[in-house]
Amino acid sequence: MYFRFASGIILVVLIALVGVGLEKETLSLRREVSRQHFRTEILVENKAKLRWECEQLGAPQRLIEQLPPDDDSTENISKSPAKTKSGTRSKSKSKSKKTAQIKALPLL
């Protein structure tokens, strides 16, 4: 009679311990899933920030392409540069105008 009582109590304690172990495991898995969701949110935010930064850094190039060409610069580009008396080719003034335009663009 004591044997049945003791075995019943041991069985109940073992079932409780297994339940506690399972609960502990599920909580640790939920914690890990929560961390992964947090990390993915951070990565998505970083991706958005980097994409925005790339667009901002690429904006000056798009703005330069959209600038209307100057009449002087198109004439100088179509003609070959003239040689000076020393025999070297002179640099066109349109290049300095373009660099001035590039420097004048605001950086965002």
PDB file of N, CA and C in Angstrom:
ATOM      1  N   MET A   1       0.806  -1.158   0.000  1.00  0.00           N
ATOM      2  CA  MET A   1       0.000   0.000   0.000  1.00  0.00           C
ATOM      3  C   MET A   1       0.876   1.258   0.000  1.00  0.00           C
ATOM      4  N   TYR A   2       1.904   1.273   0.798  1.00  0.00           N
ATOM      5  CA  TYR A   2       2.821   2.404   0.783  1.00  0.00           C
ATOM      6  C   TYR A   2       3.569   2.472  -0.544  1.00  0.00           C
ATOM      7  N   PHE A   3       3.813   1.319  -1.112  1.00  0.00           N
ATOM      8  CA  PHE A   3       4.522   1.250  -2.384  1.00  0.00           C
ATOM      9  C   PHE A   3       3.703   1.953  -3.474  1.00  0.00           C
ATOM     10  N   ARG A   4       2.405   1.716  -3.528  1.00  0.00           N
ATOM     11  CA  ARG A   4       1.551   2.348  -4.535  1.00  0.00           C
ATOM     12  C   ARG A   4       1.477   3.852  -4.300  1.00  0.00           C
ATOM     13  N   PHE A   5       1.381   4.260  -3.084  1.00  0.00           N
ATOM     14  CA  PHE A   5       1.314   5.682  -2.746  1.00  0.00           C
ATOM     15  C   PHE A   5       2.611   6.382  -3.143  1.00  0.00           C
ATOM     16  N   ALA A   6       3.739   5.800  -2.816  1.00  0.00           N
ATOM     17  CA  ALA A   6       5.043   6.381  -3.134  1.00  0.00           C
ATOM     18  C   ALA A   6       5.250   6.431  -4.641  1.00  0.00           C
ATOM     19  N   SER A   7       4.882   5.365  -5.338  1.00  0.00           N
ATOM     20  CA  SER A   7       5.051   5.361  -6.799  1.00  0.00           C
ATOM     21  C   SER A   7       4.132   6.388  -7.455  1.00  0.00           C
ATOM     22  N   GLY A   8       2.939   6.610  -6.930  1.00  0.00           N
ATOM     23  CA  GLY A   8       2.023   7.636  -7.445  1.00  0.00           C
ATOM     24  C   GLY A   8       2.592   9.036  -7.262  1.00  0.00           C
ATOM     25  N   ILE A   9       3.165   9.296  -6.080  1.00  0.00           N
ATOM     26  CA  ILE A   9       3.760  10.614  -5.816  1.00  0.00           C
ATOM     27  C   ILE A   9       4.980  10.831  -6.708  1.00  0.00           C
ATOM     28  N   ILE A  10       5.801   9.815  -6.874  1.00  0.00           N
ATOM     29  CA  ILE A  10       6.985   9.926  -7.743  1.00  0.00           C
ATOM     30  C   ILE A  10       6.547  10.182  -9.185  1.00  0.00           C
ATOM     31  N   LEU A  11       5.502   9.501  -9.628  1.00  0.00           N
ATOM     32  CA  LEU A  11       4.998   9.691 -10.985  1.00  0.00           C
ATOM     33  C   LEU A  11       4.482  11.125 -11.174  1.00  0.00           C
ATOM     34  N   VAL A  12       3.769  11.658 -10.215  1.00  0.00           N
ATOM     35  CA  VAL A  12       3.263  13.033 -10.293  1.00  0.00           C
ATOM     36  C   VAL A  12       4.417  14.022 -10.311  1.00  0.00           C
ATOM     37  N   VAL A  13       5.444  13.806  -9.484  1.00  0.00           N
ATOM     38  CA  VAL A  13       6.602  14.700  -9.442  1.00  0.00           C
ATOM     39  C   VAL A  13       7.356  14.651 -10.771  1.00  0.00           C
ATOM     40  N   LEU A  14       7.531  13.453 -11.340  1.00  0.00           N
ATOM     41  CA  LEU A  14       8.220  13.335 -12.631  1.00  0.00           C
ATOM     42  C   LEU A  14       7.446  14.046 -13.742  1.00  0.00           C
ATOM     43  N   ILE A  15       6.136  13.911 -13.734  1.00  0.00           N
ATOM     44  CA  ILE A  15       5.330  14.596 -14.751  1.00  0.00           C
ATOM     45  C   ILE A  15       5.443  16.108 -14.586  1.00  0.00           C
ATOM     46  N   ALA A  16       5.461  16.589 -13.365  1.00  0.00           N
ATOM     47  CA  ALA A  16       5.606  18.023 -13.108  1.00  0.00           C
ATOM     48  C   ALA A  16       6.968  18.519 -13.568  1.00  0.00           C
ATOM     49  N   LEU A  17       8.027  17.736 -13.295  1.00  0.00           N
ATOM     50  CA  LEU A  17       9.372  18.133 -13.727  1.00  0.00           C
ATOM     51  C   LEU A  17       9.482  18.167 -15.252  1.00  0.00           C
ATOM     52  N   VAL A  18       8.884  17.198 -15.923  1.00  0.00           N
ATOM     53  CA  VAL A  18       8.896  17.187 -17.394  1.00  0.00           C
ATOM     54  C   VAL A  18       8.140  18.401 -17.923  1.00  0.00           C
ATOM     55  N   GLY A  19       7.015  18.741 -17.298  1.00  0.00           N
ATOM     56  CA  GLY A  19       6.247  19.925 -17.698  1.00  0.00           C
ATOM     57  C   GLY A  19       7.038  21.208 -17.526  1.00  0.00           C
ATOM     58  N   VAL A  20       7.752  21.314 -16.399  1.00  0.00           N
ATOM     59  CA  VAL A  20       8.579  22.496 -16.153  1.00  0.00           C
ATOM     60  C   VAL A  20       9.685  22.590 -17.202  1.00  0.00           C
ATOM     61  N   GLY A  21      10.290  21.466 -17.542  1.00  0.00           N
ATOM     62  CA  GLY A  21      11.346  21.452 -18.568  1.00  0.00           C
ATOM     63  C   GLY A  21      10.812  21.865 -19.931  1.00  0.00           C
ATOM     64  N   LEU A  22       9.611  21.374 -20.268  1.00  0.00           N
ATOM     65  CA  LEU A  22       9.007  21.753 -21.546  1.00  0.00           C
ATOM     66  C   LEU A  22       8.653  23.238 -21.589  1.00  0.00           C
ATOM     67  N   GLU A  23       8.137  23.757 -20.500  1.00  0.00           N
ATOM     68  CA  GLU A  23       7.820  25.184 -20.427  1.00  0.00           C
ATOM     69  C   GLU A  23       9.079  26.037 -20.578  1.00  0.00           C
ATOM     70  N   LYS A  24      10.157  25.598 -19.916  1.00  0.00           N
ATOM     71  CA  LYS A  24      11.425  26.315 -20.004  1.00  0.00           C
ATOM     72  C   LYS A  24      11.934  26.336 -21.438  1.00  0.00           C
ATOM     73  N   GLU A  25      11.827  25.205 -22.113  1.00  0.00           N
ATOM     74  CA  GLU A  25      12.273  25.112 -23.510  1.00  0.00           C
ATOM     75  C   GLU A  25      11.432  26.003 -24.412  1.00  0.00           C
ATOM     76  N   THR A  26      10.117  25.993 -24.233  1.00  0.00           N
ATOM     77  CA  THR A  26       9.261  26.835 -25.074  1.00  0.00           C
ATOM     78  C   THR A  26       9.516  28.320 -24.832  1.00  0.00           C
ATOM     79  N   LEU A  27       9.769  28.692 -23.583  1.00  0.00           N
ATOM     80  CA  LEU A  27      10.082  30.093 -23.295  1.00  0.00           C
ATOM     81  C   LEU A  27      11.395  30.520 -23.941  1.00  0.00           C
ATOM     82  N   SER A  28      12.396  29.654 -23.908  1.00  0.00           N
ATOM     83  CA  SER A  28      13.673  30.001 -24.539  1.00  0.00           C
ATOM     84  C   SER A  28      13.515  30.098 -26.061  1.00  0.00           C
ATOM     85  N   LEU A  29      12.683  29.227 -26.643  1.00  0.00           N
ATOM     86  CA  LEU A  29      12.443  29.306 -28.091  1.00  0.00           C
ATOM     87  C   LEU A  29      11.669  30.579 -28.454  1.00  0.00           C
ATOM     88  N   ARG A  30      10.698  30.949 -27.623  1.00  0.00           N
ATOM     89  CA  ARG A  30       9.970  32.195 -27.868  1.00  0.00           C
ATOM     90  C   ARG A  30      10.887  33.401 -27.754  1.00  0.00           C
ATOM     91  N   ARG A  31      11.788  33.361 -26.780  1.00  0.00           N
ATOM     92  CA  ARG A  31      12.755  34.442 -26.631  1.00  0.00           C
ATOM     93  C   ARG A  31      13.634  34.562 -27.872  1.00  0.00           C
ATOM     94  N   GLU A  32      14.074  33.419 -28.380  1.00  0.00           N
ATOM     95  CA  GLU A  32      14.918  33.416 -29.573  1.00  0.00           C
ATOM     96  C   GLU A  32      14.161  33.954 -30.790  1.00  0.00           C
ATOM     97  N   VAL A  33      12.903  33.561 -30.930  1.00  0.00           N
ATOM     98  CA  VAL A  33      12.087  34.064 -32.040  1.00  0.00           C
ATOM     99  C   VAL A  33      11.888  35.567 -31.906  1.00  0.00           C
ATOM    100  N   SER A  34      11.675  36.038 -30.687  1.00  0.00           N
ATOM    101  CA  SER A  34      11.514  37.468 -30.447  1.00  0.00           C
ATOM    102  C   SER A  34      12.791  38.223 -30.817  1.00  0.00           C
ATOM    103  N   ARG A  35      13.938  37.695 -30.451  1.00  0.00           N
ATOM    104  CA  ARG A  35      15.222  38.308 -30.816  1.00  0.00           C
ATOM    105  C   ARG A  35      15.384  38.355 -32.333  1.00  0.00           C
ATOM    106  N   GLN A  36      15.006  37.278 -33.013  1.00  0.00           N
ATOM    107  CA  GLN A  36      15.134  37.242 -34.464  1.00  0.00           C
ATOM    108  C   GLN A  36      14.226  38.278 -35.120  1.00  0.00           C
ATOM    109  N   HIS A  37      13.010  38.439 -34.598  1.00  0.00           N
ATOM    110  CA  HIS A  37      12.116  39.471 -35.133  1.00  0.00           C
ATOM    111  C   HIS A  37      12.705  40.860 -34.909  1.00  0.00           C
ATOM    112  N   PHE A  38      13.275  41.078 -33.735  1.00  0.00           N
ATOM    113  CA  PHE A  38      13.901  42.368 -33.436  1.00  0.00           C
ATOM    114  C   PHE A  38      15.066  42.624 -34.376  1.00  0.00           C
ATOM    115  N   ARG A  39      15.896  41.609 -34.594  1.00  0.00           N
ATOM    116  CA  ARG A  39      17.034  41.758 -35.508  1.00  0.00           C
ATOM    117  C   ARG A  39      16.579  42.030 -36.933  1.00  0.00           C
ATOM    118  N   THR A  40      15.518  41.358 -37.378  1.00  0.00           N
ATOM    119  CA  THR A  40      15.030  41.604 -38.735  1.00  0.00           C
ATOM    120  C   THR A  40      14.481  43.020 -38.874  1.00  0.00           C
ATOM    121  N   GLU A  41      13.817  43.526 -37.834  1.00  0.00           N
ATOM    122  CA  GLU A  41      13.335  44.907 -37.874  1.00  0.00           C
ATOM    123  C   GLU A  41      14.500  45.881 -37.974  1.00  0.00           C
ATOM    124  N   ILE A  42      15.552  45.627 -37.213  1.00  0.00           N
ATOM    125  CA  ILE A  42      16.729  46.495 -37.273  1.00  0.00           C
ATOM    126  C   ILE A  42      17.362  46.425 -38.657  1.00  0.00           C
ATOM    127  N   LEU A  43      17.468  45.227 -39.217  1.00  0.00           N
ATOM    128  CA  LEU A  43      18.056  45.076 -40.549  1.00  0.00           C
ATOM    129  C   LEU A  43      17.213  45.757 -41.620  1.00  0.00           C
ATOM    130  N   VAL A  44      15.907  45.684 -41.494  1.00  0.00           N
ATOM    131  CA  VAL A  44      15.034  46.349 -42.465  1.00  0.00           C
ATOM    132  C   VAL A  44      15.203  47.863 -42.364  1.00  0.00           C
ATOM    133  N   GLU A  45      15.295  48.379 -41.142  1.00  0.00           N
ATOM    134  CA  GLU A  45      15.517  49.818 -40.957  1.00  0.00           C
ATOM    135  C   GLU A  45      16.864  50.237 -41.517  1.00  0.00           C
ATOM    136  N   ASN A  46      17.902  49.437 -41.264  1.00  0.00           N
ATOM    137  CA  ASN A  46      19.227  49.753 -41.797  1.00  0.00           C
ATOM    138  C   ASN A  46      19.223  49.710 -43.320  1.00  0.00           C
ATOM    139  N   LYS A  47      18.516  48.750 -43.883  1.00  0.00           N
ATOM    140  CA  LYS A  47      18.427  48.654 -45.341  1.00  0.00           C
ATOM    141  C   LYS A  47      17.752  49.894 -45.910  1.00  0.00           C
ATOM    142  N   ALA A  48      16.690  50.350 -45.261  1.00  0.00           N
ATOM    143  CA  ALA A  48      15.992  51.553 -45.723  1.00  0.00           C
ATOM    144  C   ALA A  48      16.897  52.777 -45.614  1.00  0.00           C
ATOM    145  N   LYS A  49      17.638  52.885 -44.502  1.00  0.00           N
ATOM    146  CA  LYS A  49      18.556  54.021 -44.333  1.00  0.00           C
ATOM    147  C   LYS A  49      19.652  53.995 -45.387  1.00  0.00           C
ATOM    148  N   LEU A  50      20.221  52.816 -45.641  1.00  0.00           N
ATOM    149  CA  LEU A  50      21.282  52.714 -46.638  1.00  0.00           C
ATOM    150  C   LEU A  50      20.762  52.980 -48.053  1.00  0.00           C
ATOM    151  N   ARG A  51      19.555  52.513 -48.343  1.00  0.00           N
ATOM    152  CA  ARG A  51      18.960  52.780 -49.657  1.00  0.00           C
ATOM    153  C   ARG A  51      18.728  54.276 -49.826  1.00  0.00           C
ATOM    154  N   TRP A  52      18.238  54.931 -48.768  1.00  0.00           N
ATOM    155  CA  TRP A  52      18.031  56.378 -48.822  1.00  0.00           C
ATOM    156  C   TRP A  52      19.358  57.097 -49.022  1.00  0.00           C
ATOM    157  N   GLU A  53      20.387  56.648 -48.306  1.00  0.00           N
ATOM    158  CA  GLU A  53      21.700  57.272 -48.427  1.00  0.00           C
ATOM    159  C   GLU A  53      22.266  57.084 -49.836  1.00  0.00           C
ATOM    160  N   CYS A  54      22.073  55.906 -50.406  1.00  0.00           N
ATOM    161  CA  CYS A  54      22.532  55.659 -51.777  1.00  0.00           C
ATOM    162  C   CYS A  54      21.815  56.568 -52.762  1.00  0.00           C
ATOM    163  N   GLU A  55      20.526  56.755 -52.566  1.00  0.00           N
ATOM    164  CA  GLU A  55      19.790  57.655 -53.446  1.00  0.00           C
ATOM    165  C   GLU A  55      20.281  59.089 -53.288  1.00  0.00           C
ATOM    166  N   GLN A  56      20.577  59.482 -52.060  1.00  0.00           N
ATOM    167  CA  GLN A  56      21.077  60.833 -51.839  1.00  0.00           C
ATOM    168  C   GLN A  56      22.452  61.021 -52.464  1.00  0.00           C
ATOM    169  N   LEU A  57      23.302  60.002 -52.350  1.00  0.00           N
ATOM    170  CA  LEU A  57      24.637  60.109 -52.932  1.00  0.00           C
ATOM    171  C   LEU A  57      24.586  60.040 -54.452  1.00  0.00           C
ATOM    172  N   GLY A  58      23.599  59.382 -54.997  1.00  0.00           N
ATOM    173  CA  GLY A  58      23.458  59.301 -56.441  1.00  0.00           C
ATOM    174  C   GLY A  58      22.744  60.497 -57.034  1.00  0.00           C
ATOM    175  N   ALA A  59      22.127  61.314 -56.208  1.00  0.00           N
ATOM    176  CA  ALA A  59      21.359  62.454 -56.683  1.00  0.00           C
ATOM    177  C   ALA A  59      22.207  63.474 -57.433  1.00  0.00           C
ATOM    178  N   PRO A  60      23.411  63.854 -56.986  1.00  0.00           N
ATOM    179  CA  PRO A  60      24.191  64.828 -57.751  1.00  0.00           C
ATOM    180  C   PRO A  60      24.472  64.356 -59.174  1.00  0.00           C
ATOM    181  N   GLN A  61      24.731  63.080 -59.357  1.00  0.00           N
ATOM    182  CA  GLN A  61      24.991  62.574 -60.693  1.00  0.00           C
ATOM    183  C   GLN A  61      23.748  62.735 -61.562  1.00  0.00           C
ATOM    184  N   ARG A  62      22.573  62.439 -61.017  1.00  0.00           N
ATOM    185  CA  ARG A  62      21.342  62.602 -61.787  1.00  0.00           C
ATOM    186  C   ARG A  62      21.077  64.067 -62.074  1.00  0.00           C
ATOM    187  N   LEU A  63      21.406  64.938 -61.106  1.00  0.00           N
ATOM    188  CA  LEU A  63      21.200  66.367 -61.331  1.00  0.00           C
ATOM    189  C   LEU A  63      22.119  66.894 -62.420  1.00  0.00           C
ATOM    190  N   ILE A  64      23.344  66.417 -62.446  1.00  0.00           N
ATOM    191  CA  ILE A  64      24.288  66.853 -63.479  1.00  0.00           C
ATOM    192  C   ILE A  64      23.796  66.403 -64.848  1.00  0.00           C
ATOM    193  N   GLU A  65      23.270  65.198 -64.931  1.00  0.00           N
ATOM    194  CA  GLU A  65      22.752  64.706 -66.203  1.00  0.00           C
ATOM    195  C   GLU A  65      21.542  65.507 -66.643  1.00  0.00           C
ATOM    196  N   GLN A  66      20.778  66.061 -65.720  1.00  0.00           N
ATOM    197  CA  GLN A  66      19.568  66.799 -66.058  1.00  0.00           C
ATOM    198  C   GLN A  66      19.837  68.269 -66.362  1.00  0.00           C
ATOM    199  N   LEU A  67      21.044  68.755 -66.094  1.00  0.00           N
ATOM    200  CA  LEU A  67      21.346  70.155 -66.362  1.00  0.00           C
ATOM    201  C   LEU A  67      21.271  70.420 -67.856  1.00  0.00           C
ATOM    202  N   PRO A  68      20.686  71.559 -68.251  1.00  0.00           N
ATOM    203  CA  PRO A  68      20.651  71.880 -69.681  1.00  0.00           C
ATOM    204  C   PRO A  68      22.054  72.247 -70.155  1.00  0.00           C
ATOM    205  N   PRO A  69      22.437  71.802 -71.333  1.00  0.00           N
ATOM    206  CA  PRO A  69      23.786  72.107 -71.818  1.00  0.00           C
ATOM    207  C   PRO A  69      23.898  73.585 -72.191  1.00  0.00           C
ATOM    208  N   ASP A  70      25.065  74.170 -71.920  1.00  0.00           N
ATOM    209  CA  ASP A  70      25.337  75.554 -72.303  1.00  0.00           C
ATOM    210  C   ASP A  70      25.637  75.597 -73.790  1.00  0.00           C
ATOM    211  N   ASP A  71      25.315  76.735 -74.413  1.00  0.00           N
ATOM    212  CA  ASP A  71      25.609  76.892 -75.843  1.00  0.00           C
ATOM    213  C   ASP A  71      27.113  76.866 -76.090  1.00  0.00           C
ATOM    214  N   ASP A  72      27.871  77.505 -75.189  1.00  0.00           N
ATOM    215  CA  ASP A  72      29.328  77.541 -75.344  1.00  0.00           C
ATOM    216  C   ASP A  72      29.933  76.158 -75.182  1.00  0.00           C
ATOM    217  N   SER A  73      29.402  75.388 -74.233  1.00  0.00           N
ATOM    218  CA  SER A  73      29.991  74.087 -73.963  1.00  0.00           C
ATOM    219  C   SER A  73      29.730  73.113 -75.097  1.00  0.00           C
ATOM    220  N   THR A  74      28.568  73.212 -75.760  1.00  0.00           N
ATOM    221  CA  THR A  74      28.293  72.295 -76.870  1.00  0.00           C
ATOM    222  C   THR A  74      29.149  72.638 -78.073  1.00  0.00           C
ATOM    223  N   GLU A  75      29.424  73.925 -78.264  1.00  0.00           N
ATOM    224  CA  GLU A  75      30.291  74.312 -79.379  1.00  0.00           C
ATOM    225  C   GLU A  75      31.716  73.838 -79.130  1.00  0.00           C
ATOM    226  N   ASN A  76      32.204  73.994 -77.903  1.00  0.00           N
ATOM    227  CA  ASN A  76      33.571  73.592 -77.594  1.00  0.00           C
ATOM    228  C   ASN A  76      33.739  72.084 -77.641  1.00  0.00           C
ATOM    229  N   ILE A  77      32.711  71.349 -77.300  1.00  0.00           N
ATOM    230  CA  ILE A  77      32.815  69.899 -77.327  1.00  0.00           C
ATOM    231  C   ILE A  77      32.837  69.396 -78.764  1.00  0.00           C
ATOM    232  N   SER A  78      32.032  70.015 -79.625  1.00  0.00           N
ATOM    233  CA  SER A  78      31.964  69.544 -81.005  1.00  0.00           C
ATOM    234  C   SER A  78      33.234  69.878 -81.778  1.00  0.00           C
ATOM    235  N   LYS A  79      33.881  70.983 -81.446  1.00  0.00           N
ATOM    236  CA  LYS A  79      35.118  71.361 -82.127  1.00  0.00           C
ATOM    237  C   LYS A  79      36.295  70.733 -81.412  1.00  0.00           C
ATOM    238  N   SER A  80      37.332  70.459 -82.142  1.00  0.00           N
ATOM    239  CA  SER A  80      38.545  69.967 -81.498  1.00  0.00           C
ATOM    240  C   SER A  80      39.270  71.144 -80.894  1.00  0.00           C
ATOM    241  N   PRO A  81      39.930  70.961 -79.771  1.00  0.00           N
ATOM    242  CA  PRO A  81      40.629  72.078 -79.130  1.00  0.00           C
ATOM    243  C   PRO A  81      41.760  72.578 -80.014  1.00  0.00           C
ATOM    244  N   ALA A  82      41.891  73.878 -80.053  1.00  0.00           N
ATOM    245  CA  ALA A  82      42.921  74.494 -80.898  1.00  0.00           C
ATOM    246  C   ALA A  82      44.274  74.403 -80.228  1.00  0.00           C
ATOM    247  N   LYS A  83      45.300  74.322 -81.052  1.00  0.00           N
ATOM    248  CA  LYS A  83      46.657  74.284 -80.512  1.00  0.00           C
ATOM    249  C   LYS A  83      47.141  75.706 -80.269  1.00  0.00           C
ATOM    250  N   THR A  84      47.873  75.879 -79.202  1.00  0.00           N
ATOM    251  CA  THR A  84      48.462  77.176 -78.897  1.00  0.00           C
ATOM    252  C   THR A  84      49.796  77.290 -79.610  1.00  0.00           C
ATOM    253  N   LYS A  85      50.430  78.418 -79.429  1.00  0.00           N
ATOM    254  CA  LYS A  85      51.711  78.652 -80.095  1.00  0.00           C
ATOM    255  C   LYS A  85      52.779  77.676 -79.625  1.00  0.00           C
ATOM    256  N   SER A  86      52.660  77.219 -78.376  1.00  0.00           N
ATOM    257  CA  SER A  86      53.678  76.312 -77.860  1.00  0.00           C
ATOM    258  C   SER A  86      53.469  74.890 -78.361  1.00  0.00           C
ATOM    259  N   GLY A  87      52.357  74.616 -79.048  1.00  0.00           N
ATOM    260  CA  GLY A  87      52.115  73.297 -79.603  1.00  0.00           C
ATOM    261  C   GLY A  87      51.263  72.406 -78.719  1.00  0.00           C
ATOM    262  N   THR A  88      50.888  72.894 -77.564  1.00  0.00           N
ATOM    263  CA  THR A  88      50.046  72.085 -76.691  1.00  0.00           C
ATOM    264  C   THR A  88      48.596  72.496 -76.876  1.00  0.00           C
ATOM    265  N   ARG A  89      47.711  71.600 -76.600  1.00  0.00           N
ATOM    266  CA  ARG A  89      46.284  71.883 -76.752  1.00  0.00           C
ATOM    267  C   ARG A  89      45.803  72.692 -75.544  1.00  0.00           C
ATOM    268  N   SER A  90      44.954  73.670 -75.806  1.00  0.00           N
ATOM    269  CA  SER A  90      44.425  74.483 -74.711  1.00  0.00           C
ATOM    270  C   SER A  90      43.189  73.810 -74.140  1.00  0.00           C
ATOM    271  N   LYS A  91      43.001  73.989 -72.866  1.00  0.00           N
ATOM    272  CA  LYS A  91      41.822  73.442 -72.207  1.00  0.00           C
ATOM    273  C   LYS A  91      40.644  74.353 -72.465  1.00  0.00           C
ATOM    274  N   SER A  92      39.494  73.742 -72.679  1.00  0.00           N
ATOM    275  CA  SER A  92      38.311  74.549 -72.968  1.00  0.00           C
ATOM    276  C   SER A  92      37.765  75.154 -71.677  1.00  0.00           C
ATOM    277  N   LYS A  93      37.111  76.301 -71.837  1.00  0.00           N
ATOM    278  CA  LYS A  93      36.535  76.984 -70.681  1.00  0.00           C
ATOM    279  C   LYS A  93      35.281  76.283 -70.200  1.00  0.00           C
ATOM    280  N   SER A  94      34.672  75.457 -71.054  1.00  0.00           N
ATOM    281  CA  SER A  94      33.432  74.788 -70.659  1.00  0.00           C
ATOM    282  C   SER A  94      33.672  73.815 -69.516  1.00  0.00           C
ATOM    283  N   LYS A  95      34.860  73.249 -69.472  1.00  0.00           N
ATOM    284  CA  LYS A  95      35.165  72.317 -68.386  1.00  0.00           C
ATOM    285  C   LYS A  95      35.158  73.043 -67.049  1.00  0.00           C
ATOM    286  N   SER A  96      35.719  74.248 -67.029  1.00  0.00           N
ATOM    287  CA  SER A  96      35.717  75.002 -65.783  1.00  0.00           C
ATOM    288  C   SER A  96      34.299  75.433 -65.406  1.00  0.00           C
ATOM    289  N   LYS A  97      33.441  75.691 -66.406  1.00  0.00           N
ATOM    290  CA  LYS A  97      32.052  76.037 -66.112  1.00  0.00           C
ATOM    291  C   LYS A  97      31.321  74.855 -65.514  1.00  0.00           C
ATOM    292  N   LYS A  98      31.572  73.666 -66.061  1.00  0.00           N
ATOM    293  CA  LYS A  98      30.911  72.481 -65.536  1.00  0.00           C
ATOM    294  C   LYS A  98      31.350  72.196 -64.108  1.00  0.00           C
ATOM    295  N   THR A  99      32.643  72.353 -63.821  1.00  0.00           N
ATOM    296  CA  THR A  99      33.098  72.116 -62.450  1.00  0.00           C
ATOM    297  C   THR A  99      32.530  73.167 -61.513  1.00  0.00           C
ATOM    298  N   ALA A 100      32.353  74.403 -62.019  1.00  0.00           N
ATOM    299  CA  ALA A 100      31.740  75.440 -61.191  1.00  0.00           C
ATOM    300  C   ALA A 100      30.291  75.081 -60.895  1.00  0.00           C
ATOM    301  N   GLN A 101      29.592  74.508 -61.901  1.00  0.00           N
ATOM    302  CA  GLN A 101      28.213  74.097 -61.683  1.00  0.00           C
ATOM    303  C   GLN A 101      28.145  72.953 -60.695  1.00  0.00           C
ATOM    304  N   ILE A 102      29.072  72.038 -60.791  1.00  0.00           N
ATOM    305  CA  ILE A 102      29.102  70.898 -59.872  1.00  0.00           C
ATOM    306  C   ILE A 102      29.354  71.370 -58.446  1.00  0.00           C
ATOM    307  N   LYS A 103      30.274  72.316 -58.299  1.00  0.00           N
ATOM    308  CA  LYS A 103      30.578  72.831 -56.963  1.00  0.00           C
ATOM    309  C   LYS A 103      29.414  73.636 -56.401  1.00  0.00           C
ATOM    310  N   ALA A 104      28.611  74.236 -57.282  1.00  0.00           N
ATOM    311  CA  ALA A 104      27.511  75.074 -56.834  1.00  0.00           C
ATOM    312  C   ALA A 104      26.326  74.251 -56.356  1.00  0.00           C
ATOM    313  N   LEU A 105      26.265  72.959 -56.701  1.00  0.00           N
ATOM    314  CA  LEU A 105      25.138  72.133 -56.301  1.00  0.00           C
ATOM    315  C   LEU A 105      25.168  71.888 -54.803  1.00  0.00           C
ATOM    316  N   PRO A 106      24.032  72.013 -54.138  1.00  0.00           N
ATOM    317  CA  PRO A 106      24.014  71.743 -52.687  1.00  0.00           C
ATOM    318  C   PRO A 106      24.070  70.267 -52.414  1.00  0.00           C
ATOM    319  N   LEU A 107      24.802  69.905 -51.398  1.00  0.00           N
ATOM    320  CA  LEU A 107      24.878  68.506 -50.980  1.00  0.00           C
ATOM    321  C   LEU A 107      23.820  68.267 -49.927  1.00  0.00           C
ATOM    322  N   LEU A 108      23.090  67.196 -50.095  1.00  0.00           N
ATOM    323  CA  LEU A 108      22.020  66.883 -49.143  1.00  0.00           C
ATOM    324  C   LEU A 108      22.488  65.910 -48.097  1.00  0.00           C
TER     325      LEU A 108
END
